[in-house]
Full PDB file with SEQRES, HELIX, SHEET, SSBOND, CRYST1, ORIGX, SCALE, CONECT and MASTER records, all heavy atoms in Angstrom:
SEQRES   1 A   37  PHE ALA GLU LYS GLY LEU ILE ALA TRP VAL VAL LEU ALA          
SEQRES   2 A   37  THR ILE THR ALA ASN ILE GLU VAL LEU ILE LEU ILE LYS          
SEQRES   3 A   37  ALA PHE GLY LEU GLU GLN THR LEU GLY ASN ILE                  
HELIX    1 AA1 ALA A    2  GLU A   20  1                                  19    
SHEET    1 AA1 2 LEU A  24  ALA A  27  0                                        
SHEET    2 AA1 2 LEU A  30  THR A  33 -1                                        
CRYST1    1.000    1.000    1.000  90.00  90.00  90.00 P 1           1          
ORIGX1      1.000000  0.000000  0.000000        0.00000                         
ORIGX2      0.000000  1.000000  0.000000        0.00000                         
ORIGX3      0.000000  0.000000  1.000000        0.00000                         
SCALE1      1.000000  0.000000  0.000000        0.00000                         
SCALE2      0.000000  1.000000  0.000000        0.00000                         
SCALE3      0.000000  0.000000  1.000000        0.00000                         
ATOM      1  N   PHE A   1      94.541  33.902 169.887  1.00  0.00           N  
ATOM      2  CA  PHE A   1      93.975  32.681 170.469  1.00  0.00           C  
ATOM      3  C   PHE A   1      94.871  31.451 170.340  1.00  0.00           C  
ATOM      4  O   PHE A   1      94.424  30.350 170.660  1.00  0.00           O  
ATOM      5  CB  PHE A   1      92.621  32.389 169.814  1.00  0.00           C  
ATOM      6  CG  PHE A   1      91.659  33.543 169.884  1.00  0.00           C  
ATOM      7  CD1 PHE A   1      91.328  34.266 168.743  1.00  0.00           C  
ATOM      8  CD2 PHE A   1      91.101  33.932 171.093  1.00  0.00           C  
ATOM      9  CE1 PHE A   1      90.448  35.337 168.797  1.00  0.00           C  
ATOM     10  CE2 PHE A   1      90.215  35.008 171.150  1.00  0.00           C  
ATOM     11  CZ  PHE A   1      89.892  35.715 170.002  1.00  0.00           C  
ATOM     12  N   ALA A   2      96.101  31.639 169.841  1.00  0.00           N  
ATOM     13  CA  ALA A   2      97.049  30.538 169.678  1.00  0.00           C  
ATOM     14  C   ALA A   2      96.436  29.437 168.798  1.00  0.00           C  
ATOM     15  O   ALA A   2      95.755  29.737 167.823  1.00  0.00           O  
ATOM     16  CB  ALA A   2      97.488  30.011 171.040  1.00  0.00           C  
ATOM     17  N   GLU A   3      96.644  28.174 169.177  1.00  0.00           N  
ATOM     18  CA  GLU A   3      96.196  27.079 168.317  1.00  0.00           C  
ATOM     19  C   GLU A   3      94.675  27.040 168.181  1.00  0.00           C  
ATOM     20  O   GLU A   3      94.147  26.626 167.139  1.00  0.00           O  
ATOM     21  CB  GLU A   3      96.706  25.727 168.829  1.00  0.00           C  
ATOM     22  CG  GLU A   3      96.196  25.301 170.192  1.00  0.00           C  
ATOM     23  CD  GLU A   3      97.059  25.795 171.335  1.00  0.00           C  
ATOM     24  OE1 GLU A   3      97.777  26.801 171.156  1.00  0.00           O  
ATOM     25  OE2 GLU A   3      97.018  25.170 172.416  1.00  0.00           O  
ATOM     26  N   LYS A   4      93.938  27.508 169.180  1.00  0.00           N  
ATOM     27  CA  LYS A   4      92.468  27.522 169.087  1.00  0.00           C  
ATOM     28  C   LYS A   4      92.004  28.460 167.980  1.00  0.00           C  
ATOM     29  O   LYS A   4      91.006  28.208 167.311  1.00  0.00           O  
ATOM     30  CB  LYS A   4      91.857  27.930 170.428  1.00  0.00           C  
ATOM     31  CG  LYS A   4      92.087  26.936 171.558  1.00  0.00           C  
ATOM     32  CD  LYS A   4      91.412  27.397 172.836  1.00  0.00           C  
ATOM     33  CE  LYS A   4      91.603  26.396 173.974  1.00  0.00           C  
ATOM     34  NZ  LYS A   4      93.024  26.286 174.369  1.00  0.00           N  
ATOM     35  N   GLY A   5      92.722  29.551 167.795  1.00  0.00           N  
ATOM     36  CA  GLY A   5      92.394  30.489 166.730  1.00  0.00           C  
ATOM     37  C   GLY A   5      92.578  29.874 165.362  1.00  0.00           C  
ATOM     38  O   GLY A   5      91.771  30.108 164.441  1.00  0.00           O  
ATOM     39  N   LEU A   6      93.612  29.066 165.192  1.00  0.00           N  
ATOM     40  CA  LEU A   6      93.851  28.403 163.912  1.00  0.00           C  
ATOM     41  C   LEU A   6      92.793  27.343 163.625  1.00  0.00           C  
ATOM     42  O   LEU A   6      92.343  27.196 162.486  1.00  0.00           O  
ATOM     43  CB  LEU A   6      95.241  27.772 163.899  1.00  0.00           C  
ATOM     44  CG  LEU A   6      96.422  28.751 163.967  1.00  0.00           C  
ATOM     45  CD1 LEU A   6      97.728  27.994 164.031  1.00  0.00           C  
ATOM     46  CD2 LEU A   6      96.408  29.706 162.785  1.00  0.00           C  
ATOM     47  N   ILE A   7      92.391  26.616 164.663  1.00  0.00           N  
ATOM     48  CA  ILE A   7      91.339  25.611 164.481  1.00  0.00           C  
ATOM     49  C   ILE A   7      90.028  26.293 164.092  1.00  0.00           C  
ATOM     50  O   ILE A   7      89.306  25.825 163.195  1.00  0.00           O  
ATOM     51  CB  ILE A   7      91.161  24.779 165.766  1.00  0.00           C  
ATOM     52  CG1 ILE A   7      92.410  23.922 166.021  1.00  0.00           C  
ATOM     53  CG2 ILE A   7      89.918  23.886 165.671  1.00  0.00           C  
ATOM     54  CD1 ILE A   7      92.409  23.202 167.355  1.00  0.00           C  
ATOM     55  N   ALA A   8      89.722  27.413 164.750  1.00  0.00           N  
ATOM     56  CA  ALA A   8      88.511  28.166 164.401  1.00  0.00           C  
ATOM     57  C   ALA A   8      88.578  28.642 162.950  1.00  0.00           C  
ATOM     58  O   ALA A   8      87.573  28.614 162.225  1.00  0.00           O  
ATOM     59  CB  ALA A   8      88.343  29.357 165.344  1.00  0.00           C  
ATOM     60  N   TRP A   9      89.771  29.050 162.524  1.00  0.00           N  
ATOM     61  CA  TRP A   9      89.916  29.520 161.138  1.00  0.00           C  
ATOM     62  C   TRP A   9      89.682  28.372 160.152  1.00  0.00           C  
ATOM     63  O   TRP A   9      89.042  28.570 159.117  1.00  0.00           O  
ATOM     64  CB  TRP A   9      91.294  30.134 160.910  1.00  0.00           C  
ATOM     65  CG  TRP A   9      91.424  30.586 159.482  1.00  0.00           C  
ATOM     66  CD1 TRP A   9      91.968  29.907 158.440  1.00  0.00           C  
ATOM     67  CD2 TRP A   9      90.881  31.800 158.926  1.00  0.00           C  
ATOM     68  NE1 TRP A   9      91.827  30.617 157.271  1.00  0.00           N  
ATOM     69  CE2 TRP A   9      91.167  31.776 157.548  1.00  0.00           C  
ATOM     70  CE3 TRP A   9      90.216  32.890 159.471  1.00  0.00           C  
ATOM     71  CZ2 TRP A   9      90.800  32.830 156.712  1.00  0.00           C  
ATOM     72  CZ3 TRP A   9      89.843  33.928 158.630  1.00  0.00           C  
ATOM     73  CH2 TRP A   9      90.139  33.885 157.270  1.00  0.00           C  
ATOM     74  N   VAL A  10      90.200  27.199 160.458  1.00  0.00           N  
ATOM     75  CA  VAL A  10      90.008  26.048 159.576  1.00  0.00           C  
ATOM     76  C   VAL A  10      88.515  25.766 159.390  1.00  0.00           C  
ATOM     77  O   VAL A  10      88.051  25.513 158.271  1.00  0.00           O  
ATOM     78  CB  VAL A  10      90.727  24.800 160.136  1.00  0.00           C  
ATOM     79  CG1 VAL A  10      90.306  23.543 159.376  1.00  0.00           C  
ATOM     80  CG2 VAL A  10      92.240  24.971 160.037  1.00  0.00           C  
ATOM     81  N   VAL A  11      87.758  25.843 160.470  1.00  0.00           N  
ATOM     82  CA  VAL A  11      86.312  25.622 160.394  1.00  0.00           C  
ATOM     83  C   VAL A  11      85.647  26.677 159.513  1.00  0.00           C  
ATOM     84  O   VAL A  11      84.881  26.362 158.594  1.00  0.00           O  
ATOM     85  CB  VAL A  11      85.682  25.635 161.801  1.00  0.00           C  
ATOM     86  CG1 VAL A  11      84.154  25.619 161.710  1.00  0.00           C  
ATOM     87  CG2 VAL A  11      86.176  24.452 162.625  1.00  0.00           C  
ATOM     88  N   LEU A  12      85.953  27.946 159.779  1.00  0.00           N  
ATOM     89  CA  LEU A  12      85.363  29.041 159.005  1.00  0.00           C  
ATOM     90  C   LEU A  12      85.713  28.939 157.534  1.00  0.00           C  
ATOM     91  O   LEU A  12      84.843  29.047 156.659  1.00  0.00           O  
ATOM     92  CB  LEU A  12      85.855  30.383 159.569  1.00  0.00           C  
ATOM     93  CG  LEU A  12      85.498  31.627 158.747  1.00  0.00           C  
ATOM     94  CD1 LEU A  12      83.998  31.866 158.771  1.00  0.00           C  
ATOM     95  CD2 LEU A  12      86.241  32.850 159.268  1.00  0.00           C  
ATOM     96  N   ALA A  13      86.993  28.714 157.239  1.00  0.00           N  
ATOM     97  CA  ALA A  13      87.451  28.698 155.854  1.00  0.00           C  
ATOM     98  C   ALA A  13      86.899  27.506 155.083  1.00  0.00           C  
ATOM     99  O   ALA A  13      86.566  27.621 153.894  1.00  0.00           O  
ATOM    100  CB  ALA A  13      88.977  28.688 155.814  1.00  0.00           C  
ATOM    101  N   THR A  14      86.775  26.361 155.746  1.00  0.00           N  
ATOM    102  CA  THR A  14      86.255  25.170 155.077  1.00  0.00           C  
ATOM    103  C   THR A  14      84.809  25.379 154.640  1.00  0.00           C  
ATOM    104  O   THR A  14      84.433  25.074 153.500  1.00  0.00           O  
ATOM    105  CB  THR A  14      86.341  23.947 156.013  1.00  0.00           C  
ATOM    106  OG1 THR A  14      87.694  23.754 156.426  1.00  0.00           O  
ATOM    107  CG2 THR A  14      85.875  22.692 155.297  1.00  0.00           C  
ATOM    108  N   ILE A  15      83.990  25.924 155.522  1.00  0.00           N  
ATOM    109  CA  ILE A  15      82.583  26.164 155.195  1.00  0.00           C  
ATOM    110  C   ILE A  15      82.447  27.267 154.144  1.00  0.00           C  
ATOM    111  O   ILE A  15      81.705  27.126 153.166  1.00  0.00           O  
ATOM    112  CB  ILE A  15      81.791  26.531 156.462  1.00  0.00           C  
ATOM    113  CG1 ILE A  15      81.742  25.327 157.417  1.00  0.00           C  
ATOM    114  CG2 ILE A  15      80.371  26.970 156.105  1.00  0.00           C  
ATOM    115  CD1 ILE A  15      81.115  25.625 158.764  1.00  0.00           C  
ATOM    116  N   THR A  16      83.169  28.359 154.340  1.00  0.00           N  
ATOM    117  CA  THR A  16      83.077  29.495 153.424  1.00  0.00           C  
ATOM    118  C   THR A  16      83.526  29.125 152.019  1.00  0.00           C  
ATOM    119  O   THR A  16      82.879  29.500 151.026  1.00  0.00           O  
ATOM    120  CB  THR A  16      83.933  30.662 153.938  1.00  0.00           C  
ATOM    121  OG1 THR A  16      83.531  31.002 155.263  1.00  0.00           O  
ATOM    122  CG2 THR A  16      83.784  31.876 153.034  1.00  0.00           C  
ATOM    123  N   ALA A  17      84.625  28.383 151.914  1.00  0.00           N  
ATOM    124  CA  ALA A  17      85.151  28.010 150.602  1.00  0.00           C  
ATOM    125  C   ALA A  17      84.153  27.171 149.821  1.00  0.00           C  
ATOM    126  O   ALA A  17      84.058  27.288 148.592  1.00  0.00           O  
ATOM    127  CB  ALA A  17      86.464  27.253 150.766  1.00  0.00           C  
ATOM    128  N   ASN A  18      83.386  26.340 150.527  1.00  0.00           N  
ATOM    129  CA  ASN A  18      82.417  25.478 149.855  1.00  0.00           C  
ATOM    130  C   ASN A  18      81.236  26.251 149.284  1.00  0.00           C  
ATOM    131  O   ASN A  18      80.540  25.756 148.396  1.00  0.00           O  
ATOM    132  CB  ASN A  18      81.921  24.408 150.827  1.00  0.00           C  
ATOM    133  CG  ASN A  18      82.951  23.341 151.078  1.00  0.00           C  
ATOM    134  OD1 ASN A  18      83.601  22.877 150.154  1.00  0.00           O  
ATOM    135  ND2 ASN A  18      83.129  22.957 152.330  1.00  0.00           N  
ATOM    136  N   ILE A  19      80.998  27.446 149.781  1.00  0.00           N  
ATOM    137  CA  ILE A  19      79.961  28.302 149.219  1.00  0.00           C  
ATOM    138  C   ILE A  19      80.539  29.150 148.093  1.00  0.00           C  
ATOM    139  O   ILE A  19      79.964  29.275 147.012  1.00  0.00           O  
ATOM    140  CB  ILE A  19      79.352  29.213 150.310  1.00  0.00           C  
ATOM    141  CG1 ILE A  19      78.703  28.352 151.401  1.00  0.00           C  
ATOM    142  CG2 ILE A  19      78.325  30.171 149.711  1.00  0.00           C  
ATOM    143  CD1 ILE A  19      78.204  29.143 152.591  1.00  0.00           C  
ATOM    144  N   GLU A  20      81.724  29.703 148.334  1.00  0.00           N  
ATOM    145  CA  GLU A  20      82.369  30.562 147.325  1.00  0.00           C  
ATOM    146  C   GLU A  20      82.656  29.815 146.021  1.00  0.00           C  
ATOM    147  O   GLU A  20      82.647  30.410 144.946  1.00  0.00           O  
ATOM    148  CB  GLU A  20      83.694  31.103 147.870  1.00  0.00           C  
ATOM    149  CG  GLU A  20      83.564  32.209 148.886  1.00  0.00           C  
ATOM    150  CD  GLU A  20      84.905  32.810 149.237  1.00  0.00           C  
ATOM    151  OE1 GLU A  20      85.906  32.067 149.308  1.00  0.00           O  
ATOM    152  OE2 GLU A  20      84.963  34.032 149.432  1.00  0.00           O  
ATOM    153  N   VAL A  21      82.938  28.512 146.122  1.00  0.00           N  
ATOM    154  CA  VAL A  21      83.350  27.753 144.945  1.00  0.00           C  
ATOM    155  C   VAL A  21      82.236  27.655 143.903  1.00  0.00           C  
ATOM    156  O   VAL A  21      82.476  27.290 142.750  1.00  0.00           O  
ATOM    157  CB  VAL A  21      83.832  26.340 145.365  1.00  0.00           C  
ATOM    158  CG1 VAL A  21      82.647  25.429 145.653  1.00  0.00           C  
ATOM    159  CG2 VAL A  21      84.757  25.736 144.322  1.00  0.00           C  
ATOM    160  N   LEU A  22      81.010  27.989 144.288  1.00  0.00           N  
ATOM    161  CA  LEU A  22      79.900  28.000 143.333  1.00  0.00           C  
ATOM    162  C   LEU A  22      80.012  29.140 142.331  1.00  0.00           C  
ATOM    163  O   LEU A  22      79.367  29.119 141.283  1.00  0.00           O  
ATOM    164  CB  LEU A  22      78.566  28.124 144.085  1.00  0.00           C  
ATOM    165  CG  LEU A  22      78.179  26.955 145.000  1.00  0.00           C  
ATOM    166  CD1 LEU A  22      76.993  27.345 145.860  1.00  0.00           C  
ATOM    167  CD2 LEU A  22      77.875  25.714 144.184  1.00  0.00           C  
ATOM    168  N   ILE A  23      80.842  30.138 142.639  1.00  0.00           N  
ATOM    169  CA  ILE A  23      80.963  31.331 141.796  1.00  0.00           C  
ATOM    170  C   ILE A  23      82.163  31.189 140.866  1.00  0.00           C  
ATOM    171  O   ILE A  23      83.283  30.945 141.318  1.00  0.00           O  
ATOM    172  CB  ILE A  23      81.125  32.598 142.662  1.00  0.00           C  
ATOM    173  CG1 ILE A  23      79.961  32.728 143.639  1.00  0.00           C  
ATOM    174  CG2 ILE A  23      81.236  33.837 141.786  1.00  0.00           C  
ATOM    175  CD1 ILE A  23      80.134  33.845 144.658  1.00  0.00           C  
ATOM    176  N   LEU A  24      81.931  31.329 139.575  1.00  0.00           N  
ATOM    177  CA  LEU A  24      82.985  31.264 138.572  1.00  0.00           C  
ATOM    178  C   LEU A  24      83.312  32.683 138.106  1.00  0.00           C  
ATOM    179  O   LEU A  24      82.422  33.432 137.700  1.00  0.00           O  
ATOM    180  CB  LEU A  24      82.537  30.411 137.377  1.00  0.00           C  
ATOM    181  CG  LEU A  24      83.598  30.028 136.343  1.00  0.00           C  
ATOM    182  CD1 LEU A  24      84.662  29.141 136.966  1.00  0.00           C  
ATOM    183  CD2 LEU A  24      82.940  29.328 135.157  1.00  0.00           C  
ATOM    184  N   ILE A  25      84.600  33.059 138.185  1.00  0.00           N  
ATOM    185  CA  ILE A  25      85.018  34.402 137.788  1.00  0.00           C  
ATOM    186  C   ILE A  25      86.176  34.309 136.801  1.00  0.00           C  
ATOM    187  O   ILE A  25      86.740  33.233 136.579  1.00  0.00           O  
ATOM    188  CB  ILE A  25      85.468  35.250 139.001  1.00  0.00           C  
ATOM    189  CG1 ILE A  25      86.734  34.646 139.631  1.00  0.00           C  
ATOM    190  CG2 ILE A  25      84.347  35.382 140.018  1.00  0.00           C  
ATOM    191  CD1 ILE A  25      87.401  35.568 140.633  1.00  0.00           C  
ATOM    192  N   LYS A  26      86.532  35.446 136.233  1.00  0.00           N  
ATOM    193  CA  LYS A  26      87.720  35.529 135.391  1.00  0.00           C  
ATOM    194  C   LYS A  26      88.637  36.588 135.976  1.00  0.00           C  
ATOM    195  O   LYS A  26      88.224  37.727 136.218  1.00  0.00           O  
ATOM    196  CB  LYS A  26      87.352  35.886 133.950  1.00  0.00           C  
ATOM    197  CG  LYS A  26      88.540  35.789 132.994  1.00  0.00           C  
ATOM    198  CD  LYS A  26      88.105  35.878 131.540  1.00  0.00           C  
ATOM    199  CE  LYS A  26      89.293  35.660 130.615  1.00  0.00           C  
ATOM    200  NZ  LYS A  26      88.897  35.686 129.182  1.00  0.00           N  
ATOM    201  N   ALA A  27      89.884  36.191 136.244  1.00  0.00           N  
ATOM    202  CA  ALA A  27      90.870  37.117 136.795  1.00  0.00           C  
ATOM    203  C   ALA A  27      92.251  36.684 136.334  1.00  0.00           C  
ATOM    204  O   ALA A  27      92.510  35.491 136.179  1.00  0.00           O  
ATOM    205  CB  ALA A  27      90.804  37.146 138.322  1.00  0.00           C  
ATOM    206  N   PHE A  28      93.127  37.641 136.108  1.00  0.00           N  
ATOM    207  CA  PHE A  28      94.475  37.374 135.597  1.00  0.00           C  
ATOM    208  C   PHE A  28      94.427  36.581 134.292  1.00  0.00           C  
ATOM    209  O   PHE A  28      95.306  35.763 134.003  1.00  0.00           O  
ATOM    210  CB  PHE A  28      95.310  36.626 136.643  1.00  0.00           C  
ATOM    211  CG  PHE A  28      95.446  37.356 137.946  1.00  0.00           C  
ATOM    212  CD1 PHE A  28      94.736  36.935 139.061  1.00  0.00           C  
ATOM    213  CD2 PHE A  28      96.265  38.481 138.053  1.00  0.00           C  
ATOM    214  CE1 PHE A  28      94.852  37.613 140.279  1.00  0.00           C  
ATOM    215  CE2 PHE A  28      96.381  39.160 139.255  1.00  0.00           C  
ATOM    216  CZ  PHE A  28      95.676  38.733 140.368  1.00  0.00           C  
ATOM    217  N   GLY A  29      93.346  36.782 133.524  1.00  0.00           N  
ATOM    218  CA  GLY A  29      93.192  36.111 132.237  1.00  0.00           C  
ATOM    219  C   GLY A  29      92.785  34.659 132.332  1.00  0.00           C  
ATOM    220  O   GLY A  29      92.826  33.930 131.331  1.00  0.00           O  
ATOM    221  N   LEU A  30      92.356  34.205 133.522  1.00  0.00           N  
ATOM    222  CA  LEU A  30      92.043  32.798 133.738  1.00  0.00           C  
ATOM    223  C   LEU A  30      90.641  32.625 134.302  1.00  0.00           C  
ATOM    224  O   LEU A  30      90.200  33.407 135.146  1.00  0.00           O  
ATOM    225  CB  LEU A  30      93.053  32.167 134.709  1.00  0.00           C  
ATOM    226  CG  LEU A  30      94.524  32.176 134.297  1.00  0.00           C  
ATOM    227  CD1 LEU A  30      95.396  31.785 135.474  1.00  0.00           C  
ATOM    228  CD2 LEU A  30      94.763  31.241 133.118  1.00  0.00           C  
ATOM    229  N   GLU A  31      89.948  31.582 133.815  1.00  0.00           N  
ATOM    230  CA  GLU A  31      88.681  31.187 134.434  1.00  0.00           C  
ATOM    231  C   GLU A  31      88.993  30.467 135.739  1.00  0.00           C  
ATOM    232  O   GLU A  31      89.822  29.562 135.770  1.00  0.00           O  
ATOM    233  CB  GLU A  31      87.902  30.251 133.510  1.00  0.00           C  
ATOM    234  CG  GLU A  31      87.461  30.855 132.197  1.00  0.00           C  
ATOM    235  CD  GLU A  31      86.253  31.753 132.332  1.00  0.00           C  
ATOM    236  OE1 GLU A  31      85.627  31.742 133.422  1.00  0.00           O  
ATOM    237  OE2 GLU A  31      85.933  32.449 131.362  1.00  0.00           O  
ATOM    238  N   GLN A  32      88.323  30.851 136.811  1.00  0.00           N  
ATOM    239  CA  GLN A  32      88.595  30.220 138.099  1.00  0.00           C  
ATOM    240  C   GLN A  32      87.381  30.342 139.003  1.00  0.00           C  
ATOM    241  O   GLN A  32      86.531  31.216 138.818  1.00  0.00           O  
ATOM    242  CB  GLN A  32      89.802  30.867 138.767  1.00  0.00           C  
ATOM    243  CG  GLN A  32      89.673  32.369 138.962  1.00  0.00           C  
ATOM    244  CD  GLN A  32      90.946  33.010 139.449  1.00  0.00           C  
ATOM    245  OE1 GLN A  32      91.249  32.951 140.635  1.00  0.00           O  
ATOM    246  NE2 GLN A  32      91.686  33.620 138.536  1.00  0.00           N  
ATOM    247  N   THR A  33      87.323  29.448 139.983  1.00  0.00           N  
ATOM    248  CA  THR A  33      86.263  29.527 140.974  1.00  0.00           C  
ATOM    249  C   THR A  33      86.745  30.342 142.162  1.00  0.00           C  
ATOM    250  O   THR A  33      87.949  30.392 142.452  1.00  0.00           O  
ATOM    251  CB  THR A  33      85.857  28.131 141.467  1.00  0.00           C  
ATOM    252  OG1 THR A  33      86.986  27.490 142.071  1.00  0.00           O  
ATOM    253  CG2 THR A  33      85.334  27.280 140.321  1.00  0.00           C  
ATOM    254  N   LEU A  34      85.808  30.971 142.829  1.00  0.00           N  
ATOM    255  CA  LEU A  34      86.151  31.569 144.114  1.00  0.00           C  
ATOM    256  C   LEU A  34      86.327  30.434 145.138  1.00  0.00           C  
ATOM    257  O   LEU A  34      85.959  29.298 144.888  1.00  0.00           O  
ATOM    258  CB  LEU A  34      85.056  32.529 144.578  1.00  0.00           C  
ATOM    259  CG  LEU A  34      85.022  33.903 143.911  1.00  0.00           C  
ATOM    260  CD1 LEU A  34      83.920  34.758 144.525  1.00  0.00           C  
ATOM    261  CD2 LEU A  34      86.357  34.620 144.030  1.00  0.00           C  
ATOM    262  N   GLY A  35      86.861  30.762 146.268  1.00  0.00           N  
ATOM    263  CA  GLY A  35      87.088  29.753 147.289  1.00  0.00           C  
ATOM    264  C   GLY A  35      88.519  29.261 147.323  1.00  0.00           C  
ATOM    265  O   GLY A  35      88.928  28.602 148.288  1.00  0.00           O  
ATOM    266  N   ASN A  36      89.295  29.569 146.269  1.00  0.00           N  
ATOM    267  CA  ASN A  36      90.675  29.093 146.220  1.00  0.00           C  
ATOM    268  C   ASN A  36      91.505  29.625 147.383  1.00  0.00           C  
ATOM    269  O   ASN A  36      92.271  28.881 148.011  1.00  0.00           O  
ATOM    270  CB  ASN A  36      91.342  29.504 144.907  1.00  0.00           C  
ATOM    271  CG  ASN A  36      90.728  28.806 143.706  1.00  0.00           C  
ATOM    272  OD1 ASN A  36      90.158  27.729 143.827  1.00  0.00           O  
ATOM    273  ND2 ASN A  36      90.823  29.425 142.543  1.00  0.00           N  
ATOM    274  N   ILE A  37      91.359  30.903 147.666  1.00  0.00           N  
ATOM    275  CA  ILE A  37      92.155  31.511 148.727  1.00  0.00           C  
ATOM    276  C   ILE A  37      91.743  30.967 150.087  1.00  0.00           C  
ATOM    277  O   ILE A  37      92.587  30.590 150.911  1.00  0.00           O  
ATOM    278  CB  ILE A  37      92.032  33.043 148.693  1.00  0.00           C  
ATOM    279  CG1 ILE A  37      92.706  33.591 147.426  1.00  0.00           C  
ATOM    280  CG2 ILE A  37      92.649  33.676 149.945  1.00  0.00           C  
ATOM    281  CD1 ILE A  37      92.522  35.087 147.220  1.00  0.00           C  
TER     282      ILE A  37                                                      
MASTER        0    0    0    1    2    0    0    6  281    1    0    3          
END                                                                             
């Protein structure tokens, strides 16, 4: 979708990350929230 695909991804990732960040996990020996990726 060229640039439209990237804009759609920004929308999806912004909303999704704000929900994932509520979850606290431990990985690679570190406390971290989801949503980072």
